[in-house]
Amino acid sequence: MKIKDIRASLHGFSIEIPLLHGKVKGYGREEQTHFVFCEVETDEGIVGYGLTGHFLAQSVIVALEKHVLPVVRDMDPRDIELIHKTIWAKLNPRAMTGTISMALSCLDIALWDIQGKKEGRSIAALLGNARKEVPAYITFGFPQYDRDQLAEAAKLHVGNGFKALKSVVAVDKKGWREDAIRTRLIREAIGPDIDLMIDANYLFSPVEAKMLCREIENLNLTWFEEPLQQNDARALADLRQSTKIPLAAGQMEGHRWRLRELVHNHAVDILQPNVTYCGGYTEARKAAHLAQTYNMPIANGGGWPIFNMHLMAGMMNGWFVEWHLGMVAVGETLFTDAPKPVGGMLTIPERPGLGLTLDRDAWRDTRVAV
């Protein structure tokens, strides 16, 4: 079996948020309006699917079709370590991240999808099959909500069976004090027995993050995700020493060495490799093994749950999958059989590979000209 073609395309998407009228621009934050989808085809006619997010999306398409394809054409898609070794040597010998990491993520996800389809096993099974289902937390606390809507939305999702919720912080014009009020309102709305996380998307300074932690330490948070600018490992380690709230980060780091920096510096309690950004399942598996040696869990941040659920289910230290409403909407639009959580648990499909069937009409409808 040999790789014969890589086809990458740009897609646009906007979503509707519960309790708000009309569509909200983008599928997460306002700048998240596009994503890259790729298909890798073999000489046997097996096609694997891959995806990555909005960062420099058009450059990712060029990287896949003009640079990566000539390197990997005619290689066996099951020789994944050799493929990574060859790409590193020819395209990324100095371990850069950004465009090359996202292109490699797209490719790698598709290669695992091909291998699963060839062998008749899910990617979760290929990775180790540690569990058949994984807990899902819902990212719901969008900044467009006012305080009352935020509390109402929290109750809505708990009523729908979710046992873990995450809210966005660090974007309100009123600063960390407003975040403290909103987080407390959520805890009061859902009670003490529901997991609650907050996510600053790397936007706080160390001082702001420390003040917010001090204010909300009694709310029994499961984790504080990406609290600090640039995921500064040294500053994260300082913050971790000053708060009882567990810290999580790593979702946009481009390979194992960036993730290792967080572990080596004792910067996080939970490591968050995301297969759509870190180099695919191959790099994410290495990060999961790294975390295992430090007795740390991995959890999904950065969304794209129908891809990351396989990592969380396959690895013995896998934990939560992020049920991000925007990226869930993308998956449910593109694929006819995208799974949904029941009672807060997401079951891995028994279908081979990703277990996803592409809706070609939806693929065409969301495609954007490059």
Protein backbone atom coordinates (compact mmCIF):
# COMPACT_ATOMS: atom_id res chain seq x y z
CA MET A 1 0.00 0.00 0.00
CA LYS A 2 1.38 3.42 -1.00
CA ILE A 3 0.43 7.06 -0.54
CA LYS A 4 -0.61 8.50 -3.88
CA ASP A 5 -2.26 11.84 -3.21
CA ILE A 6 -3.00 14.50 -0.58
CA ARG A 7 -5.92 16.86 -1.20
CA ALA A 8 -6.39 19.74 1.24
CA SER A 9 -9.25 22.23 1.34
CA LEU A 10 -10.29 25.31 3.29
CA HIS A 11 -13.72 25.39 4.96
CA GLY A 12 -15.73 28.11 6.71
CA PHE A 13 -18.20 27.74 9.55
CA SER A 14 -20.32 29.72 11.99
CA ILE A 15 -22.45 28.35 14.83
CA GLU A 16 -25.54 28.98 16.90
CA ILE A 17 -25.14 29.17 20.67
CA PRO A 18 -27.94 28.05 23.00
CA LEU A 19 -29.99 30.96 24.46
CA LEU A 20 -28.58 33.45 21.93
CA HIS A 21 -30.46 34.45 18.79
CA GLY A 22 -28.83 34.04 15.39
CA LYS A 23 -25.46 32.67 14.38
CA VAL A 24 -22.28 33.71 16.11
CA LYS A 25 -19.34 34.43 13.83
CA GLY A 26 -16.84 31.58 13.88
CA TYR A 27 -16.98 28.21 15.59
CA GLY A 28 -15.17 29.25 18.77
CA ARG A 29 -13.67 32.67 19.11
CA GLU A 30 -14.40 35.26 16.43
CA GLU A 31 -11.19 34.58 14.49
CA GLN A 32 -11.96 30.86 14.30
CA THR A 33 -13.93 31.00 11.07
CA HIS A 34 -11.93 28.54 8.96
CA PHE A 35 -10.29 25.12 9.24
CA VAL A 36 -8.32 22.80 6.98
CA PHE A 37 -9.60 19.39 5.92
CA CYS A 38 -7.42 16.89 4.08
CA GLU A 39 -7.84 13.57 2.33
CA VAL A 40 -4.94 11.17 1.86
CA GLU A 41 -5.49 8.53 -0.80
CA THR A 42 -3.59 5.28 -1.32
CA ASP A 43 -3.02 3.17 -4.41
CA GLU A 44 -5.58 0.71 -3.01
CA GLY A 45 -8.26 3.41 -2.99
CA ILE A 46 -8.39 3.76 0.81
CA VAL A 47 -8.91 7.41 1.80
CA GLY A 48 -8.06 8.78 5.23
CA TYR A 49 -9.36 12.05 6.67
CA GLY A 50 -7.45 14.66 8.64
CA LEU A 51 -8.20 18.10 10.05
CA THR A 52 -6.51 21.06 11.69
CA GLY A 53 -7.63 24.50 12.86
CA HIS A 54 -7.62 28.06 11.62
CA PHE A 55 -4.04 29.20 12.17
CA LEU A 56 -2.44 30.25 8.83
CA ALA A 57 -4.88 27.87 7.18
CA GLN A 58 -4.04 28.66 3.56
CA SER A 59 -0.35 28.13 4.30
CA VAL A 60 -1.16 24.69 5.74
CA ILE A 61 -2.86 23.75 2.47
CA VAL A 62 0.20 24.80 0.47
CA ALA A 63 2.47 22.92 2.87
CA LEU A 64 0.47 19.70 2.49
CA GLU A 65 0.08 19.73 -1.28
CA LYS A 66 3.32 21.36 -2.41
CA HIS A 67 5.84 20.29 0.22
CA VAL A 68 4.64 17.27 2.22
CA LEU A 69 3.18 15.26 -0.68
CA PRO A 70 6.43 15.13 -2.71
CA VAL A 71 8.23 13.84 0.41
CA VAL A 72 5.76 11.08 1.33
CA ARG A 73 4.41 10.02 -2.06
CA ASP A 74 4.83 6.26 -2.59
CA MET A 75 5.64 5.64 1.08
CA ASP A 76 3.61 3.02 2.95
CA PRO A 77 1.08 4.91 5.13
CA ARG A 78 1.58 2.32 7.89
CA ASP A 79 5.26 3.25 8.22
CA ILE A 80 4.32 6.18 10.40
CA GLU A 81 7.59 6.55 12.31
CA LEU A 82 9.53 6.47 9.03
CA ILE A 83 7.19 9.08 7.54
CA HIS A 84 7.68 11.37 10.54
CA LYS A 85 11.42 10.81 10.47
CA THR A 86 11.56 11.69 6.77
CA ILE A 87 9.43 14.82 7.14
CA TRP A 88 11.48 16.01 10.12
CA ALA A 89 14.72 15.48 8.17
CA LYS A 90 13.61 17.11 4.92
CA LEU A 91 11.15 19.78 5.99
CA ASN A 92 11.72 20.54 9.67
CA PRO A 93 15.23 19.65 10.90
CA ARG A 94 15.18 22.43 13.53
CA ALA A 95 11.87 21.37 15.12
CA MET A 96 9.82 24.42 14.21
CA THR A 97 6.10 24.47 14.99
CA GLY A 98 3.26 26.47 13.43
CA THR A 99 2.36 25.62 9.84
CA ILE A 100 4.54 22.51 9.61
CA SER A 101 3.08 21.05 12.83
CA MET A 102 -0.49 21.62 11.68
CA ALA A 103 0.21 20.15 8.25
CA LEU A 104 1.84 17.13 9.89
CA SER A 105 -1.18 16.79 12.21
CA CYS A 106 -3.55 16.72 9.23
CA LEU A 107 -1.44 14.11 7.46
CA ASP A 108 -0.89 11.93 10.51
CA ILE A 109 -4.57 11.77 11.49
CA ALA A 110 -5.36 10.64 7.95
CA LEU A 111 -2.61 8.00 8.05
CA TRP A 112 -4.01 6.49 11.24
CA ASP A 113 -7.47 6.59 9.66
CA ILE A 114 -6.09 4.64 6.69
CA GLN A 115 -4.38 2.11 8.92
CA GLY A 116 -7.57 1.60 10.94
CA LYS A 117 -9.61 1.12 7.78
CA LYS A 118 -7.04 -1.35 6.45
CA GLU A 119 -7.01 -3.41 9.65
CA GLY A 120 -10.69 -3.04 10.53
CA ARG A 121 -9.97 -1.42 13.92
CA SER A 122 -10.66 1.99 15.40
CA ILE A 123 -7.78 4.37 16.00
CA ALA A 124 -8.46 4.08 19.73
CA ALA A 125 -7.93 0.34 19.42
CA LEU A 126 -4.72 0.83 17.44
CA LEU A 127 -3.42 3.19 20.13
CA GLY A 128 -3.99 0.67 22.90
CA ASN A 129 -7.72 0.33 23.55
CA ALA A 130 -7.47 1.35 27.21
CA ARG A 131 -11.22 2.06 27.41
CA LYS A 132 -14.35 1.99 25.27
CA GLU A 133 -15.78 5.32 26.41
CA VAL A 134 -14.44 8.59 27.77
CA PRO A 135 -16.00 11.38 29.88
CA ALA A 136 -16.84 14.57 28.02
CA TYR A 137 -16.91 18.09 29.43
CA ILE A 138 -18.85 20.77 27.58
CA THR A 139 -17.27 24.12 26.81
CA PHE A 140 -20.30 26.36 27.12
CA GLY A 141 -19.38 29.60 28.95
CA PHE A 142 -19.01 31.90 25.97
CA PRO A 143 -18.36 35.61 26.61
CA GLN A 144 -21.48 36.56 24.63
CA TYR A 145 -23.61 35.44 27.61
CA ASP A 146 -24.57 37.94 30.26
CA ARG A 147 -24.50 36.72 33.87
CA ASP A 148 -28.07 35.43 33.90
CA GLN A 149 -27.70 33.63 30.58
CA LEU A 150 -24.46 32.06 31.76
CA ALA A 151 -26.13 30.52 34.80
CA GLU A 152 -29.13 29.43 32.73
CA ALA A 153 -26.89 27.79 30.13
CA ALA A 154 -24.96 25.94 32.84
CA LYS A 155 -28.20 24.48 34.22
CA LEU A 156 -29.31 23.59 30.69
CA HIS A 157 -26.22 21.48 29.99
CA VAL A 158 -26.31 19.74 33.36
CA GLY A 159 -29.94 18.94 32.62
CA ASN A 160 -28.78 17.41 29.32
CA GLY A 161 -26.55 14.98 31.19
CA PHE A 162 -23.15 16.66 31.28
CA LYS A 163 -21.27 16.20 34.51
CA ALA A 164 -18.41 18.57 33.66
CA LEU A 165 -18.49 22.13 32.29
CA LYS A 166 -15.88 24.66 31.17
CA SER A 167 -16.19 28.44 30.86
CA VAL A 168 -14.03 31.04 29.11
CA VAL A 169 -12.27 33.72 31.17
CA ALA A 170 -9.76 36.54 30.50
CA VAL A 171 -11.81 38.19 27.73
CA ASP A 172 -14.27 40.36 29.67
CA LYS A 173 -13.52 44.08 29.61
CA LYS A 174 -14.11 44.19 33.37
CA GLY A 175 -11.11 41.92 33.91
CA TRP A 176 -10.47 39.09 36.33
CA ARG A 177 -12.94 40.39 38.93
CA GLU A 178 -15.81 39.82 36.49
CA ASP A 179 -14.40 36.35 35.75
CA ALA A 180 -14.50 35.58 39.46
CA ILE A 181 -18.15 36.65 39.68
CA ARG A 182 -19.13 34.62 36.59
CA THR A 183 -17.30 31.52 37.79
CA ARG A 184 -18.99 31.75 41.18
CA LEU A 185 -22.39 32.10 39.49
CA ILE A 186 -21.76 28.91 37.52
CA ARG A 187 -20.78 26.97 40.64
CA GLU A 188 -23.90 28.18 42.44
CA ALA A 189 -26.04 27.17 39.45
CA ILE A 190 -24.66 23.63 39.05
CA GLY A 191 -23.95 22.70 42.67
CA PRO A 192 -20.86 21.10 44.23
CA ASP A 193 -20.87 17.73 42.45
CA ILE A 194 -20.28 18.85 38.84
CA ASP A 195 -16.73 19.25 37.53
CA LEU A 196 -16.03 22.88 36.63
CA MET A 197 -13.07 24.14 34.58
CA ILE A 198 -12.08 27.61 33.36
CA ASP A 199 -9.97 28.50 30.32
CA ALA A 200 -8.02 31.75 29.82
CA ASN A 201 -6.68 30.79 26.38
CA TYR A 202 -3.20 32.01 27.46
CA LEU A 203 -4.42 35.63 27.90
CA PHE A 204 -3.67 36.50 31.56
CA SER A 205 -0.50 38.00 32.94
CA PRO A 206 0.94 36.06 35.89
CA VAL A 207 -0.32 38.69 38.34
CA GLU A 208 -3.87 38.68 36.96
CA ALA A 209 -4.01 34.88 37.00
CA LYS A 210 -2.75 34.77 40.58
CA MET A 211 -5.38 37.25 41.73
CA LEU A 212 -8.17 35.29 40.04
CA CYS A 213 -6.94 32.04 41.57
CA ARG A 214 -6.87 33.62 45.01
CA GLU A 215 -10.46 34.80 44.59
CA ILE A 216 -11.95 31.48 43.41
CA GLU A 217 -9.86 28.81 45.16
CA ASN A 218 -12.84 27.74 47.27
CA LEU A 219 -14.94 26.82 44.19
CA ASN A 220 -13.34 23.37 43.82
CA LEU A 221 -12.27 23.78 40.17
CA THR A 222 -11.10 20.69 38.31
CA TRP A 223 -8.52 22.74 36.41
CA PHE A 224 -7.52 26.21 35.19
CA GLU A 225 -6.56 25.86 31.53
CA GLU A 226 -3.85 27.91 29.80
CA PRO A 227 -3.88 30.71 32.38
CA LEU A 228 -0.77 32.56 31.19
CA GLN A 229 0.48 34.41 28.16
CA GLN A 230 2.59 32.30 25.78
CA ASN A 231 2.24 29.24 28.01
CA ASP A 232 5.38 30.45 29.80
CA ALA A 233 6.53 27.28 31.55
CA ARG A 234 8.56 29.05 34.21
CA ALA A 235 5.71 31.41 35.12
CA LEU A 236 3.22 28.53 35.05
CA ALA A 237 5.41 26.67 37.53
CA ASP A 238 5.40 29.71 39.82
CA LEU A 239 1.61 29.99 39.58
CA ARG A 240 1.19 26.27 40.25
CA GLN A 241 3.16 26.65 43.47
CA SER A 242 0.92 29.47 44.64
CA THR A 243 -2.53 27.94 44.07
CA LYS A 244 -4.46 24.82 44.96
CA ILE A 245 -6.24 24.88 41.58
CA PRO A 246 -4.76 22.28 39.19
CA LEU A 247 -3.29 23.78 36.01
CA ALA A 248 -3.62 22.40 32.49
CA ALA A 249 -1.95 23.42 29.22
CA GLY A 250 -0.44 22.17 25.99
CA GLN A 251 -3.28 22.07 23.46
CA MET A 252 -1.59 24.22 20.80
CA GLU A 253 1.99 23.10 21.34
CA GLY A 254 3.42 21.78 18.09
CA HIS A 255 5.44 18.74 19.13
CA ARG A 256 6.78 16.65 21.99
CA TRP A 257 9.60 19.04 22.94
CA ARG A 258 7.26 21.96 23.57
CA LEU A 259 5.06 19.67 25.66
CA ARG A 260 8.11 18.29 27.47
CA GLU A 261 8.98 21.82 28.59
CA LEU A 262 5.72 22.01 30.53
CA VAL A 263 6.36 18.66 32.22
CA HIS A 264 10.05 19.24 32.91
CA ASN A 265 9.37 22.60 34.57
CA HIS A 266 6.59 21.19 36.81
CA ALA A 267 4.31 23.74 35.13
CA VAL A 268 1.09 21.71 34.86
CA ASP A 269 -0.95 19.05 36.61
CA ILE A 270 -2.68 17.92 33.42
CA LEU A 271 -0.99 17.77 30.01
CA GLN A 272 -3.16 18.58 26.99
CA PRO A 273 -1.76 17.31 23.66
CA ASN A 274 -4.26 17.91 20.86
CA VAL A 275 -3.89 15.63 17.82
CA THR A 276 -5.03 18.35 15.40
CA TYR A 277 -2.12 20.63 16.37
CA CYS A 278 0.76 18.67 17.94
CA GLY A 279 1.66 16.43 15.00
CA GLY A 280 -1.22 13.98 15.07
CA TYR A 281 -1.67 10.75 17.02
CA THR A 282 1.98 9.85 16.58
CA GLU A 283 3.29 12.88 18.49
CA ALA A 284 0.36 12.91 20.92
CA ARG A 285 1.06 9.29 21.85
CA LYS A 286 4.64 10.24 22.68
CA ALA A 287 3.33 13.09 24.86
CA ALA A 288 0.93 10.68 26.59
CA HIS A 289 3.79 8.30 27.35
CA LEU A 290 5.87 11.21 28.65
CA ALA A 291 3.02 12.16 30.97
CA GLN A 292 2.70 8.55 32.12
CA THR A 293 6.30 8.51 33.31
CA TYR A 294 5.44 11.49 35.52
CA ASN A 295 2.17 9.89 36.69
CA MET A 296 0.16 12.65 34.98
CA PRO A 297 -3.16 12.45 33.14
CA ILE A 298 -3.73 13.83 29.67
CA ALA A 299 -6.95 15.61 28.75
CA ASN A 300 -8.34 17.23 25.63
CA GLY A 301 -8.12 20.99 25.32
CA GLY A 302 -8.41 22.91 22.06
CA GLY A 303 -11.52 21.07 20.92
CA TRP A 304 -12.05 18.72 17.95
CA PRO A 305 -13.40 15.93 20.19
CA ILE A 306 -14.27 13.39 17.48
CA PHE A 307 -10.55 13.19 16.69
CA ASN A 308 -9.13 13.50 20.20
CA MET A 309 -11.53 10.95 21.71
CA HIS A 310 -9.44 8.19 20.16
CA LEU A 311 -6.32 9.41 21.98
CA MET A 312 -8.13 9.66 25.32
CA ALA A 313 -9.64 6.20 24.92
CA GLY A 314 -6.51 4.56 23.57
CA MET A 315 -4.03 5.69 26.22
CA MET A 316 -4.17 4.43 29.81
CA ASN A 317 -3.78 7.97 31.22
CA GLY A 318 -6.43 9.51 28.96
CA TRP A 319 -9.13 11.53 30.70
CA PHE A 320 -11.68 14.13 29.54
CA VAL A 321 -12.63 14.99 25.96
CA GLU A 322 -13.65 18.59 25.28
CA TRP A 323 -17.17 18.77 23.84
CA HIS A 324 -16.65 22.24 22.36
CA LEU A 325 -19.98 23.34 20.91
CA GLY A 326 -18.44 25.07 17.88
CA MET A 327 -16.16 22.24 16.83
CA VAL A 328 -18.87 19.71 17.58
CA ALA A 329 -21.12 21.57 15.13
CA VAL A 330 -18.38 21.34 12.49
CA GLY A 331 -18.05 17.59 13.02
CA GLU A 332 -21.78 16.97 12.96
CA THR A 333 -22.06 18.93 9.71
CA LEU A 334 -19.14 17.27 7.91
CA PHE A 335 -19.84 13.69 8.99
CA THR A 336 -23.07 11.74 8.89
CA ASP A 337 -22.28 9.56 11.89
CA ALA A 338 -20.39 11.76 14.35
CA PRO A 339 -20.91 10.29 17.86
CA LYS A 340 -22.61 12.18 20.68
CA PRO A 341 -22.15 11.80 24.44
CA VAL A 342 -24.85 10.13 26.51
CA GLY A 343 -24.96 10.93 30.20
CA GLY A 344 -21.70 12.81 29.82
CA MET A 345 -19.89 9.80 28.33
CA LEU A 346 -18.69 9.48 24.74
CA THR A 347 -18.51 5.95 23.32
CA ILE A 348 -15.86 5.20 20.71
CA PRO A 349 -17.43 3.94 17.45
CA GLU A 350 -16.61 0.35 16.56
CA ARG A 351 -16.24 1.37 12.93
CA PRO A 352 -12.66 1.29 11.59
CA GLY A 353 -10.29 4.23 11.68
CA LEU A 354 -11.90 7.46 12.80
CA GLY A 355 -15.27 5.78 12.37
CA LEU A 356 -16.56 8.77 10.40
CA THR A 357 -18.41 8.97 7.09
CA LEU A 358 -17.88 12.19 5.13
CA ASP A 359 -20.97 14.03 3.92
CA ARG A 360 -19.70 15.14 0.53
CA ASP A 361 -22.51 17.67 0.08
CA ALA A 362 -21.66 19.34 3.40
CA TRP A 363 -17.98 19.26 2.42
CA ARG A 364 -18.82 21.18 -0.76
CA ASP A 365 -21.20 23.57 0.99
CA THR A 366 -18.64 24.63 3.60
CA ARG A 367 -15.67 24.80 1.23
CA VAL A 368 -14.08 28.21 0.72
CA ALA A 369 -12.06 29.15 -2.36
CA VAL A 370 -8.34 29.58 -1.70
